[in-house]
PDB file of N, CA and C in Angstrom:
ATOM      1  N   MET A   1      46.281 -47.363-236.237  1.00  0.00           N
ATOM      2  CA  MET A   1      44.738 -47.569-235.667  1.00  0.00           C
ATOM      3  C   MET A   1      44.279 -47.181-234.349  1.00  0.00           C
ATOM      4  N   LEU A   2      44.862 -48.184-233.641  1.00  0.00           N
ATOM      5  CA  LEU A   2      45.115 -48.114-232.242  1.00  0.00           C
ATOM      6  C   LEU A   2      45.494 -47.104-231.450  1.00  0.00           C
ATOM      7  N   SER A   3      46.889 -46.424-232.312  1.00  0.00           N
ATOM      8  CA  SER A   3      47.554 -45.317-231.780  1.00  0.00           C
ATOM      9  C   SER A   3      46.710 -44.068-232.190  1.00  0.00           C
ATOM     10  N   ASP A   4      45.989 -44.157-233.259  1.00  0.00           N
ATOM     11  CA  ASP A   4      45.079 -42.848-233.159  1.00  0.00           C
ATOM     12  C   ASP A   4      44.114 -42.917-232.222  1.00  0.00           C
ATOM     13  N   GLY A   5      43.517 -43.888-231.570  1.00  0.00           N
ATOM     14  CA  GLY A   5      42.331 -43.833-230.369  1.00  0.00           C
ATOM     15  C   GLY A   5      43.348 -43.343-229.353  1.00  0.00           C
ATOM     16  N   TYR A   6      44.315 -43.898-229.054  1.00  0.00           N
ATOM     17  CA  TYR A   6      45.182 -43.105-227.636  1.00  0.00           C
ATOM     18  C   TYR A   6      45.036 -41.944-227.786  1.00  0.00           C
ATOM     19  N   ILE A   7      45.561 -41.177-228.998  1.00  0.00           N
ATOM     20  CA  ILE A   7      46.562 -39.919-229.139  1.00  0.00           C
ATOM     21  C   ILE A   7      44.611 -39.214-229.340  1.00  0.00           C
ATOM     22  N   SER A   8      43.660 -39.486-229.621  1.00  0.00           N
ATOM     23  CA  SER A   8      42.616 -38.971-229.114  1.00  0.00           C
ATOM     24  C   SER A   8      42.149 -38.643-227.905  1.00  0.00           C
ATOM     25  N   VAL A   9      42.301 -40.120-227.123  1.00  0.00           N
ATOM     26  CA  VAL A   9      41.858 -39.834-225.958  1.00  0.00           C
ATOM     27  C   VAL A   9      42.772 -39.260-224.632  1.00  0.00           C
ATOM     28  N   ALA A  10      43.864 -38.926-224.925  1.00  0.00           N
ATOM     29  CA  ALA A  10      44.900 -38.098-224.586  1.00  0.00           C
ATOM     30  C   ALA A  10      44.560 -36.515-225.035  1.00  0.00           C
ATOM     31  N   SER A  11      44.534 -36.233-225.904  1.00  0.00           N
ATOM     32  CA  SER A  11      43.970 -35.214-226.404  1.00  0.00           C
ATOM     33  C   SER A  11      42.731 -34.643-225.589  1.00  0.00           C
ATOM     34  N   HIS A  12      41.931 -35.295-225.603  1.00  0.00           N
ATOM     35  CA  HIS A  12      40.569 -35.120-225.184  1.00  0.00           C
ATOM     36  C   HIS A  12      40.983 -34.811-223.563  1.00  0.00           C
ATOM     37  N   ARG A  13      41.364 -35.853-222.718  1.00  0.00           N
ATOM     38  CA  ARG A  13      41.935 -35.276-221.510  1.00  0.00           C
ATOM     39  C   ARG A  13      42.820 -34.281-221.132  1.00  0.00           C
ATOM     40  N   LEU A  14      43.915 -34.026-222.203  1.00  0.00           N
ATOM     41  CA  LEU A  14      44.661 -32.717-221.974  1.00  0.00           C
ATOM     42  C   LEU A  14      43.481 -31.546-221.885  1.00  0.00           C
ATOM     43  N   ASN A  15      42.666 -31.367-222.838  1.00  0.00           N
ATOM     44  CA  ASN A  15      41.683 -30.549-223.413  1.00  0.00           C
ATOM     45  C   ASN A  15      41.061 -29.882-221.958  1.00  0.00           C
ATOM     46  N   GLN A  16      40.318 -31.145-221.047  1.00  0.00           N
ATOM     47  CA  GLN A  16      39.683 -31.110-219.903  1.00  0.00           C
ATOM     48  C   GLN A  16      40.676 -30.456-219.611  1.00  0.00           C
ATOM     49  N   ILE A  17      41.857 -30.597-218.416  1.00  0.00           N
ATOM     50  CA  ILE A  17      42.802 -30.070-217.715  1.00  0.00           C
ATOM     51  C   ILE A  17      42.995 -28.516-217.961  1.00  0.00           C
ATOM     52  N   MET A  18      43.139 -28.406-219.348  1.00  0.00           N
ATOM     53  CA  MET A  18      43.327 -26.914-219.743  1.00  0.00           C
ATOM     54  C   MET A  18      41.706 -25.844-219.553  1.00  0.00           C
ATOM     55  N   LYS A  19      40.953 -26.546-219.415  1.00  0.00           N
ATOM     56  CA  LYS A  19      39.553 -26.104-219.441  1.00  0.00           C
ATOM     57  C   LYS A  19      39.548 -25.580-217.707  1.00  0.00           C
ATOM     58  N   VAL A  20      40.012 -26.520-217.138  1.00  0.00           N
ATOM     59  CA  VAL A  20      39.978 -26.282-215.583  1.00  0.00           C
ATOM     60  C   VAL A  20      41.036 -25.187-215.025  1.00  0.00           C
ATOM     61  N   LEU A  21      42.351 -25.571-215.758  1.00  0.00           N
ATOM     62  CA  LEU A  21      43.138 -24.557-215.625  1.00  0.00           C
ATOM     63  C   LEU A  21      42.814 -22.888-215.794  1.00  0.00           C
ATOM     64  N   THR A  22      41.955 -23.258-216.746  1.00  0.00           N
ATOM     65  CA  THR A  22      41.607 -21.531-217.510  1.00  0.00           C
ATOM     66  C   THR A  22      40.795 -21.076-216.421  1.00  0.00           C
ATOM     67  N   VAL A  23      39.841 -21.567-215.788  1.00  0.00           N
ATOM     68  CA  VAL A  23      38.928 -21.281-214.627  1.00  0.00           C
ATOM     69  C   VAL A  23      39.681 -20.926-213.757  1.00  0.00           C
ATOM     70  N   VAL A  24      40.640 -21.680-213.264  1.00  0.00           N
ATOM     71  CA  VAL A  24      41.348 -21.053-211.959  1.00  0.00           C
ATOM     72  C   VAL A  24      41.994 -19.990-212.112  1.00  0.00           C
ATOM     73  N   MET A  25      42.628 -19.699-213.704  1.00  0.00           N
ATOM     74  CA  MET A  25      43.399 -18.676-214.043  1.00  0.00           C
ATOM     75  C   MET A  25      42.384 -17.249-213.723  1.00  0.00           C
ATOM     76  N   ALA A  26      41.310 -17.543-214.693  1.00  0.00           N
ATOM     77  CA  ALA A  26      40.481 -16.569-214.881  1.00  0.00           C
ATOM     78  C   ALA A  26      40.399 -15.935-213.380  1.00  0.00           C
ATOM     79  N   ILE A  27      39.980 -17.130-212.269  1.00  0.00           N
ATOM     80  CA  ILE A  27      39.380 -15.900-211.062  1.00  0.00           C
ATOM     81  C   ILE A  27      40.498 -15.636-210.450  1.00  0.00           C
ATOM     82  N   PHE A  28      41.623 -16.436-210.228  1.00  0.00           N
ATOM     83  CA  PHE A  28      43.079 -15.544-209.844  1.00  0.00           C
ATOM     84  C   PHE A  28      43.330 -14.419-210.476  1.00  0.00           C
ATOM     85  N   VAL A  29      43.381 -14.309-211.466  1.00  0.00           N
ATOM     86  CA  VAL A  29      44.002 -12.803-211.970  1.00  0.00           C
ATOM     87  C   VAL A  29      43.455 -11.797-211.955  1.00  0.00           C
ATOM     88  N   LEU A  30      41.681 -12.473-211.652  1.00  0.00           N
ATOM     89  CA  LEU A  30      40.959 -10.822-211.557  1.00  0.00           C
ATOM     90  C   LEU A  30      41.139 -10.186-209.648  1.00  0.00           C
ATOM     91  N   LEU A  31      41.043 -11.865-208.580  1.00  0.00           N
ATOM     92  CA  LEU A  31      41.317 -11.395-207.405  1.00  0.00           C
ATOM     93  C   LEU A  31      42.866 -10.850-207.167  1.00  0.00           C
ATOM     94  N   SER A  32      44.000 -11.055-207.900  1.00  0.00           N
ATOM     95  CA  SER A  32      44.856 -10.428-208.033  1.00  0.00           C
ATOM     96  C   SER A  32      44.854  -9.222-208.174  1.00  0.00           C
ATOM     97  N   PHE A  33      44.529  -8.784-209.490  1.00  0.00           N
ATOM     98  CA  PHE A  33      44.493  -7.539-209.908  1.00  0.00           C
ATOM     99  C   PHE A  33      43.755  -6.652-208.604  1.00  0.00           C
ATOM    100  N   LEU A  34      42.728  -6.999-208.094  1.00  0.00           N
ATOM    101  CA  LEU A  34      42.263  -5.905-206.962  1.00  0.00           C
ATOM    102  C   LEU A  34      43.178  -6.228-205.680  1.00  0.00           C
ATOM    103  N   ALA A  35      43.930  -7.159-205.326  1.00  0.00           N
ATOM    104  CA  ALA A  35      44.558  -7.271-204.336  1.00  0.00           C
ATOM    105  C   ALA A  35      45.864  -6.137-204.639  1.00  0.00           C
ATOM    106  N   GLY A  36      46.473  -6.468-206.112  1.00  0.00           N
ATOM    107  CA  GLY A  36      47.533  -4.936-206.237  1.00  0.00           C
ATOM    108  C   GLY A  36      47.077  -3.867-205.936  1.00  0.00           C
ATOM    109  N   ILE A  37      45.940  -3.580-206.550  1.00  0.00           N
ATOM    110  CA  ILE A  37      45.266  -2.210-206.175  1.00  0.00           C
ATOM    111  C   ILE A  37      45.254  -1.682-205.461  1.00  0.00           C
ATOM    112  N   TYR A  38      44.812  -2.899-204.252  1.00  0.00           N
ATOM    113  CA  TYR A  38      44.691  -2.259-202.791  1.00  0.00           C
ATOM    114  C   TYR A  38      45.418  -2.152-201.941  1.00  0.00           C
ATOM    115  N   GLY A  39      46.920  -2.749-202.469  1.00  0.00           N
ATOM    116  CA  GLY A  39      48.250  -3.112-201.948  1.00  0.00           C
ATOM    117  C   GLY A  39      48.798  -1.552-201.945  1.00  0.00           C
ATOM    118  N   MET A  40      48.504  -0.866-202.773  1.00  0.00           N
ATOM    119  CA  MET A  40      49.175   0.160-203.600  1.00  0.00           C
ATOM    120  C   MET A  40      49.370   1.315-201.636  1.00  0.00           C
ATOM    121  N   ASN A  41      50.199   1.884-201.487  1.00  0.00           N
ATOM    122  CA  ASN A  41      50.035   2.848-200.763  1.00  0.00           C
ATOM    123  C   ASN A  41      49.684   4.332-201.259  1.00  0.00           C
ATOM    124  N   PHE A  42      48.122   4.499-201.466  1.00  0.00           N
ATOM    125  CA  PHE A  42      47.708   6.113-201.806  1.00  0.00           C
ATOM    126  C   PHE A  42      46.767   6.536-200.937  1.00  0.00           C
ATOM    127  N   GLU A  43      46.486   7.623-200.370  1.00  0.00           N
ATOM    128  CA  GLU A  43      46.129   8.360-199.652  1.00  0.00           C
ATOM    129  C   GLU A  43      44.475   8.603-200.144  1.00  0.00           C
ATOM    130  N   ASN A  44      44.355   9.032-201.484  1.00  0.00           N
ATOM    131  CA  ASN A  44      43.208   8.906-201.847  1.00  0.00           C
ATOM    132  C   ASN A  44      41.949   8.215-202.084  1.00  0.00           C
ATOM    133  N   MET A  45      42.084   7.072-201.569  1.00  0.00           N
ATOM    134  CA  MET A  45      41.371   6.035-201.602  1.00  0.00           C
ATOM    135  C   MET A  45      40.048   6.183-200.353  1.00  0.00           C
ATOM    136  N   PRO A  46      39.092   6.414-201.000  1.00  0.00           N
ATOM    137  CA  PRO A  46      37.805   6.783-200.207  1.00  0.00           C
ATOM    138  C   PRO A  46      37.753   5.410-199.154  1.00  0.00           C
ATOM    139  N   GLU A  47      38.081   4.245-200.191  1.00  0.00           N
ATOM    140  CA  GLU A  47      37.410   2.941-199.454  1.00  0.00           C
ATOM    141  C   GLU A  47      38.241   2.600-198.059  1.00  0.00           C
ATOM    142  N   LEU A  48      39.674   3.135-197.767  1.00  0.00           N
ATOM    143  CA  LEU A  48      40.568   3.022-197.231  1.00  0.00           C
ATOM    144  C   LEU A  48      40.053   3.931-195.755  1.00  0.00           C
ATOM    145  N   HIS A  49      39.445   4.608-196.114  1.00  0.00           N
ATOM    146  CA  HIS A  49      38.790   5.477-194.438  1.00  0.00           C
ATOM    147  C   HIS A  49      37.729   4.691-193.953  1.00  0.00           C
ATOM    148  N   SER A  50      37.091   4.165-194.726  1.00  0.00           N
ATOM    149  CA  SER A  50      35.597   3.751-194.220  1.00  0.00           C
ATOM    150  C   SER A  50      35.905   2.496-193.222  1.00  0.00           C
ATOM    151  N   GLN A  51      35.226   2.646-192.251  1.00  0.00           N
ATOM    152  CA  GLN A  51      35.053   1.461-190.984  1.00  0.00           C
ATOM    153  C   GLN A  51      34.668   0.200-191.958  1.00  0.00           C
ATOM    154  N   SER A  52      34.336  -0.120-192.797  1.00  0.00           N
ATOM    155  CA  SER A  52      33.654  -1.380-193.523  1.00  0.00           C
ATOM    156  C   SER A  52      34.491  -1.437-194.943  1.00  0.00           C
ATOM    157  N   GLY A  53      35.811  -0.457-195.179  1.00  0.00           N
ATOM    158  CA  GLY A  53      36.029  -0.845-196.733  1.00  0.00           C
ATOM    159  C   GLY A  53      36.585  -2.052-197.090  1.00  0.00           C
ATOM    160  N   TYR A  54      36.964  -2.566-195.675  1.00  0.00           N
ATOM    161  CA  TYR A  54      37.777  -3.876-195.795  1.00  0.00           C
ATOM    162  C   TYR A  54      37.082  -5.259-196.302  1.00  0.00           C
ATOM    163  N   PHE A  55      35.821  -5.129-195.428  1.00  0.00           N
ATOM    164  CA  PHE A  55      34.517  -6.300-195.390  1.00  0.00           C
ATOM    165  C   PHE A  55      33.940  -5.971-196.881  1.00  0.00           C
ATOM    166  N   ILE A  56      33.940  -4.859-197.512  1.00  0.00           N
ATOM    167  CA  ILE A  56      32.980  -4.652-198.551  1.00  0.00           C
ATOM    168  C   ILE A  56      34.056  -5.332-199.623  1.00  0.00           C
ATOM    169  N   LEU A  57      34.924  -5.056-199.700  1.00  0.00           N
ATOM    170  CA  LEU A  57      36.271  -5.734-200.696  1.00  0.00           C
ATOM    171  C   LEU A  57      36.246  -6.949-200.949  1.00  0.00           C
ATOM    172  N   LEU A  58      36.344  -7.569-199.280  1.00  0.00           N
ATOM    173  CA  LEU A  58      36.256  -9.076-199.597  1.00  0.00           C
ATOM    174  C   LEU A  58      34.750  -9.706-200.221  1.00  0.00           C
ATOM    175  N   GLY A  59      33.568  -9.093-199.831  1.00  0.00           N
ATOM    176  CA  GLY A  59      32.781  -9.537-200.351  1.00  0.00           C
ATOM    177  C   GLY A  59      32.777  -9.063-201.645  1.00  0.00           C
ATOM    178  N   PHE A  60      33.151  -8.321-202.362  1.00  0.00           N
ATOM    179  CA  PHE A  60      32.877  -8.128-203.611  1.00  0.00           C
ATOM    180  C   PHE A  60      33.982  -8.906-204.415  1.00  0.00           C
ATOM    181  N   MET A  61      35.150  -9.460-203.943  1.00  0.00           N
ATOM    182  CA  MET A  61      35.969 -10.464-204.491  1.00  0.00           C
ATOM    183  C   MET A  61      34.959 -11.649-203.859  1.00  0.00           C
ATOM    184  N   LEU A  62      34.338 -12.183-202.956  1.00  0.00           N
ATOM    185  CA  LEU A  62      33.509 -13.606-203.089  1.00  0.00           C
ATOM    186  C   LEU A  62      32.592 -13.320-203.955  1.00  0.00           C
ATOM    187  N   ALA A  63      31.851 -12.091-204.653  1.00  0.00           N
ATOM    188  CA  ALA A  63      30.923 -12.170-205.455  1.00  0.00           C
ATOM    189  C   ALA A  63      31.496 -12.384-207.019  1.00  0.00           C
ATOM    190  N   ILE A  64      32.647 -11.796-207.072  1.00  0.00           N
ATOM    191  CA  ILE A  64      33.604 -11.960-208.318  1.00  0.00           C
ATOM    192  C   ILE A  64      33.774 -13.666-208.586  1.00  0.00           C
ATOM    193  N   VAL A  65      34.226 -14.159-207.365  1.00  0.00           N
ATOM    194  CA  VAL A  65      34.276 -15.734-207.533  1.00  0.00           C
ATOM    195  C   VAL A  65      32.861 -16.415-207.536  1.00  0.00           C
ATOM    196  N   VAL A  66      31.718 -16.291-206.767  1.00  0.00           N
ATOM    197  CA  VAL A  66      30.808 -16.883-207.189  1.00  0.00           C
ATOM    198  C   VAL A  66      30.093 -16.791-209.038  1.00  0.00           C
ATOM    199  N   VAL A  67      30.288 -14.743-209.433  1.00  0.00           N
ATOM    200  CA  VAL A  67      29.571 -14.997-210.401  1.00  0.00           C
ATOM    201  C   VAL A  67      30.362 -15.953-211.351  1.00  0.00           C
ATOM    202  N   LEU A  68      31.846 -15.817-211.475  1.00  0.00           N
ATOM    203  CA  LEU A  68      32.232 -16.376-212.474  1.00  0.00           C
ATOM    204  C   LEU A  68      32.268 -18.169-212.264  1.00  0.00           C
ATOM    205  N   LEU A  69      32.139 -18.499-211.175  1.00  0.00           N
ATOM    206  CA  LEU A  69      31.894 -20.028-211.112  1.00  0.00           C
ATOM    207  C   LEU A  69      30.663 -20.273-211.688  1.00  0.00           C
ATOM    208  N   THR A  70      29.929 -19.714-211.593  1.00  0.00           N
ATOM    209  CA  THR A  70      28.177 -19.571-212.119  1.00  0.00           C
ATOM    210  C   THR A  70      28.255 -19.573-213.675  1.00  0.00           C
ATOM    211  N   ILE A  71      28.905 -18.831-214.171  1.00  0.00           N
ATOM    212  CA  ILE A  71      29.233 -18.638-215.457  1.00  0.00           C
ATOM    213  C   ILE A  71      29.857 -19.883-216.189  1.00  0.00           C
ATOM    214  N   PHE A  72      31.122 -20.123-215.554  1.00  0.00           N
ATOM    215  CA  PHE A  72      31.728 -21.289-215.867  1.00  0.00           C
ATOM    216  C   PHE A  72      30.819 -22.511-215.854  1.00  0.00           C
ATOM    217  N   TYR A  73      30.103 -22.891-214.614  1.00  0.00           N
ATOM    218  CA  TYR A  73      29.149 -24.349-214.691  1.00  0.00           C
ATOM    219  C   TYR A  73      28.087 -24.079-216.033  1.00  0.00           C
ATOM    220  N   ARG A  74      27.555 -22.982-216.004  1.00  0.00           N
ATOM    221  CA  ARG A  74      26.654 -22.828-216.719  1.00  0.00           C
ATOM    222  C   ARG A  74      27.246 -23.137-218.637  1.00  0.00           C
ATOM    223  N   LYS A  75      28.414 -22.672-218.450  1.00  0.00           N
ATOM    224  CA  LYS A  75      28.846 -23.021-219.918  1.00  0.00           C
ATOM    225  C   LYS A  75      29.561 -24.639-219.878  1.00  0.00           C
ATOM    226  N   LYS A  76      29.169 -25.243-218.921  1.00  0.00           N
ATOM    227  CA  LYS A  76      29.509 -26.504-218.533  1.00  0.00           C
ATOM    228  C   LYS A  76      31.409 -27.145-219.002  1.00  0.00           C
ATOM    229  N   TRP A  77      32.025 -25.847-218.296  1.00  0.00           N
ATOM    230  CA  TRP A  77      33.045 -25.996-218.207  1.00  0.00           C
ATOM    231  C   TRP A  77      33.708 -26.621-216.564  1.00  0.00           C
ATOM    232  N   LEU A  78      32.968 -26.769-215.984  1.00  0.00           N
ATOM    233  CA  LEU A  78      33.239 -27.581-214.489  1.00  0.00           C
ATOM    234  C   LEU A  78      31.855 -28.558-214.621  1.00  0.00           C
TER     235      LEU A  78
END
């Protein structure tokens, strides 16, 4: 009986840790994808020839992080 309670508490704690790891993974996978695309040496990417292309990409990456954190916060994952 006591061991069942302990296993239940340990399982709940593991689920909480897995939620946090899922949130971190979801954010960094998208950011890594964008960094991988823009890390390639292509000549035909119009953003590369723009004066503010770098800052637009950083702003877009920041917006992705904010949106994902908001979604996860509203789902009560954080």
